[in-house]
C-alpha atoms as a PDB file:
ATOM      1  CA  UNK A   1     158.928  35.923   1.991  1.00  0.00           C
ATOM      2  CA  UNK A   2     157.229  39.586   1.940  1.00  0.00           C
ATOM      3  CA  UNK A   3     155.755  40.481  -0.734  1.00  0.00           C
ATOM      4  CA  UNK A   4     156.827  43.593  -2.516  1.00  0.00           C
ATOM      5  CA  UNK A   5     155.292  46.680  -3.503  1.00  0.00           C
ATOM      6  CA  UNK A   6     154.825  47.918  -6.681  1.00  0.00           C
ATOM      7  CA  UNK A   7     157.002  51.256  -6.850  1.00  0.00           C
ATOM      8  CA  UNK A   8     155.021  54.423  -7.569  1.00  0.00           C
ATOM      9  CA  UNK A   9     156.662  56.802  -9.745  1.00  0.00           C
ATOM     10  CA  UNK A  10     155.678  60.600  -9.833  1.00  0.00           C
ATOM     11  CA  UNK A  11     156.689  62.908 -12.601  1.00  0.00           C
ATOM     12  CA  UNK A  12     159.400  64.844 -11.669  1.00  0.00           C
ATOM     13  CA  UNK A  13     158.075  68.015 -12.955  1.00  0.00           C
ATOM     14  CA  UNK A  14     154.872  67.972 -11.129  1.00  0.00           C
ATOM     15  CA  UNK A  15     154.315  71.077  -9.037  1.00  0.00           C
ATOM     16  CA  UNK A  16     151.787  73.491  -8.093  1.00  0.00           C
ATOM     17  CA  UNK A  17     152.553  75.424 -10.963  1.00  0.00           C
ATOM     18  CA  UNK A  18     152.175  72.565 -13.525  1.00  0.00           C
ATOM     19  CA  UNK A  19     149.004  72.003 -12.590  1.00  0.00           C
ATOM     20  CA  UNK A  20     147.784  75.198 -12.231  1.00  0.00           C
ATOM     21  CA  UNK A  21     148.090  75.341 -15.682  1.00  0.00           C
ATOM     22  CA  UNK A  22     146.352  72.497 -16.342  1.00  0.00           C
ATOM     23  CA  UNK A  23     143.092  73.883 -14.279  1.00  0.00           C
ATOM     24  CA  UNK A  24     143.227  77.293 -16.076  1.00  0.00           C
ATOM     25  CA  UNK A  25     142.937  75.321 -19.141  1.00  0.00           C
ATOM     26  CA  UNK A  26     140.033  73.408 -18.061  1.00  0.00           C
ATOM     27  CA  UNK A  27     138.487  76.569 -15.964  1.00  0.00           C
ATOM     28  CA  UNK A  28     138.964  78.849 -19.433  1.00  0.00           C
ATOM     29  CA  UNK A  29     137.344  75.334 -21.599  1.00  0.00           C
ATOM     30  CA  UNK A  30     134.244  75.392 -18.873  1.00  0.00           C
ATOM     31  CA  UNK A  31     133.693  78.884 -19.453  1.00  0.00           C
ATOM     32  CA  UNK A  32     133.618  78.748 -23.371  1.00  0.00           C
ATOM     33  CA  UNK A  33     131.386  75.575 -22.797  1.00  0.00           C
ATOM     34  CA  UNK A  34     128.981  77.577 -20.419  1.00  0.00           C
ATOM     35  CA  UNK A  35     128.925  80.746 -23.305  1.00  0.00           C
ATOM     36  CA  UNK A  36     128.184  78.627 -25.882  1.00  0.00           C
ATOM     37  CA  UNK A  37     125.052  77.061 -23.756  1.00  0.00           C
ATOM     38  CA  UNK A  38     124.001  80.025 -23.013  1.00  0.00           C
ATOM     39  CA  UNK A  39     124.184  81.436 -26.256  1.00  0.00           C
ATOM     40  CA  UNK A  40     122.303  78.584 -28.033  1.00  0.00           C
ATOM     41  CA  UNK A  41     119.654  78.961 -24.903  1.00  0.00           C
ATOM     42  CA  UNK A  42     119.071  82.572 -25.899  1.00  0.00           C
ATOM     43  CA  UNK A  43     118.628  81.747 -29.601  1.00  0.00           C
ATOM     44  CA  UNK A  44     116.494  79.106 -28.784  1.00  0.00           C
ATOM     45  CA  UNK A  45     114.387  81.483 -26.471  1.00  0.00           C
ATOM     46  CA  UNK A  46     113.966  84.016 -29.353  1.00  0.00           C
ATOM     47  CA  UNK A  47     112.735  81.725 -32.084  1.00  0.00           C
ATOM     48  CA  UNK A  48     110.359  79.980 -29.806  1.00  0.00           C
ATOM     49  CA  UNK A  49     108.916  83.986 -29.214  1.00  0.00           C
ATOM     50  CA  UNK A  50     109.295  84.516 -32.759  1.00  0.00           C
ATOM     51  CA  UNK A  51     107.327  81.299 -33.684  1.00  0.00           C
ATOM     52  CA  UNK A  52     104.756  82.018 -31.114  1.00  0.00           C
ATOM     53  CA  UNK A  53     104.153  86.047 -31.729  1.00  0.00           C
ATOM     54  CA  UNK A  54     103.075  84.901 -35.704  1.00  0.00           C
ATOM     55  CA  UNK A  55     101.056  81.875 -34.531  1.00  0.00           C
ATOM     56  CA  UNK A  56      99.044  84.549 -32.164  1.00  0.00           C
ATOM     57  CA  UNK A  57      98.878  87.228 -34.841  1.00  0.00           C
ATOM     58  CA  UNK A  58      97.653  84.429 -37.150  1.00  0.00           C
ATOM     59  CA  UNK A  59      94.860  83.452 -35.176  1.00  0.00           C
ATOM     60  CA  UNK A  60      94.043  86.854 -34.252  1.00  0.00           C
ATOM     61  CA  UNK A  61      93.705  87.698 -38.158  1.00  0.00           C
ATOM     62  CA  UNK A  62      91.468  84.531 -38.755  1.00  0.00           C
ATOM     63  CA  UNK A  63      89.049  85.590 -35.633  1.00  0.00           C
ATOM     64  CA  UNK A  64      88.995  89.133 -36.328  1.00  0.00           C
ATOM     65  CA  UNK A  65      85.135  89.552 -37.099  1.00  0.00           C
ATOM     66  CA  UNK A  66      85.312  93.274 -37.444  1.00  0.00           C
ATOM     67  CA  UNK A  67      87.925  93.130 -39.958  1.00  0.00           C
ATOM     68  CA  UNK A  68      85.863  90.348 -42.089  1.00  0.00           C
ATOM     69  CA  UNK A  69      82.330  92.161 -41.975  1.00  0.00           C
ATOM     70  CA  UNK A  70      84.483  95.612 -42.568  1.00  0.00           C
ATOM     71  CA  UNK A  71      86.186  93.525 -45.931  1.00  0.00           C
ATOM     72  CA  UNK A  72      83.232  91.688 -47.422  1.00  0.00           C
ATOM     73  CA  UNK A  73      80.003  93.095 -45.573  1.00  0.00           C
ATOM     74  CA  UNK A  74      77.690  91.249 -47.923  1.00  0.00           C
ATOM     75  CA  UNK A  75      79.276  87.746 -47.102  1.00  0.00           C
ATOM     76  CA  UNK A  76      78.850  88.824 -43.214  1.00  0.00           C
ATOM     77  CA  UNK A  77      75.338  89.748 -43.804  1.00  0.00           C
ATOM     78  CA  UNK A  78      74.647  86.282 -46.138  1.00  0.00           C
ATOM     79  CA  UNK A  79      76.169  84.453 -43.253  1.00  0.00           C
ATOM     80  CA  UNK A  80      73.744  85.829 -40.722  1.00  0.00           C
ATOM     81  CA  UNK A  81      70.719  85.069 -42.694  1.00  0.00           C
ATOM     82  CA  UNK A  82      71.878  81.905 -42.783  1.00  0.00           C
ATOM     83  CA  UNK A  83      72.425  81.117 -39.197  1.00  0.00           C
ATOM     84  CA  UNK A  84      69.196  82.930 -38.533  1.00  0.00           C
ATOM     85  CA  UNK A  85      67.385  79.928 -40.828  1.00  0.00           C
ATOM     86  CA  UNK A  86      68.781  77.528 -39.035  1.00  0.00           C
ATOM     87  CA  UNK A  87      68.267  78.724 -35.708  1.00  0.00           C
ATOM     88  CA  UNK A  88      64.694  79.519 -36.758  1.00  0.00           C
ATOM     89  CA  UNK A  89      64.010  76.057 -38.057  1.00  0.00           C
ATOM     90  CA  UNK A  90      65.564  74.094 -35.055  1.00  0.00           C
ATOM     91  CA  UNK A  91      63.367  76.302 -33.016  1.00  0.00           C
ATOM     92  CA  UNK A  92      60.253  75.913 -35.238  1.00  0.00           C
ATOM     93  CA  UNK A  93      60.712  72.005 -34.792  1.00  0.00           C
ATOM     94  CA  UNK A  94      60.707  71.791 -31.276  1.00  0.00           C
ATOM     95  CA  UNK A  95      57.650  73.931 -31.257  1.00  0.00           C
ATOM     96  CA  UNK A  96      55.509  71.756 -33.475  1.00  0.00           C
ATOM     97  CA  UNK A  97      55.785  68.097 -32.514  1.00  0.00           C
END
C-alpha cells in the first residue's frame, strides 16, 4: 500500500516573461514608496529646520540686552539701580554681623 503523492499543478502560462511583468510592477511600487518616504523626510526636515530657526530668533530677541537698553533706556537704568541696591545691601549685611 504505497501512499500516493499529491499532484502539484503549475499554471501553464508561467514563464519568465510572466514573472518579469510582476517583478517590474513590484519594482515600480518599491520605487514609488521610496520616493514618497524621501519626500516626506525632506518636508519633515524643512519643518524642523524652520521651527528651530524661529525658536532661536525668539530666544535671541528675548536676550537682546542692547536692544532693550536702546528701546527702554529709563527702565534699564532703573533695573541697574535696583540690582545695585540689592547687591549693596547683601554686601553690607555680610560686613556687619
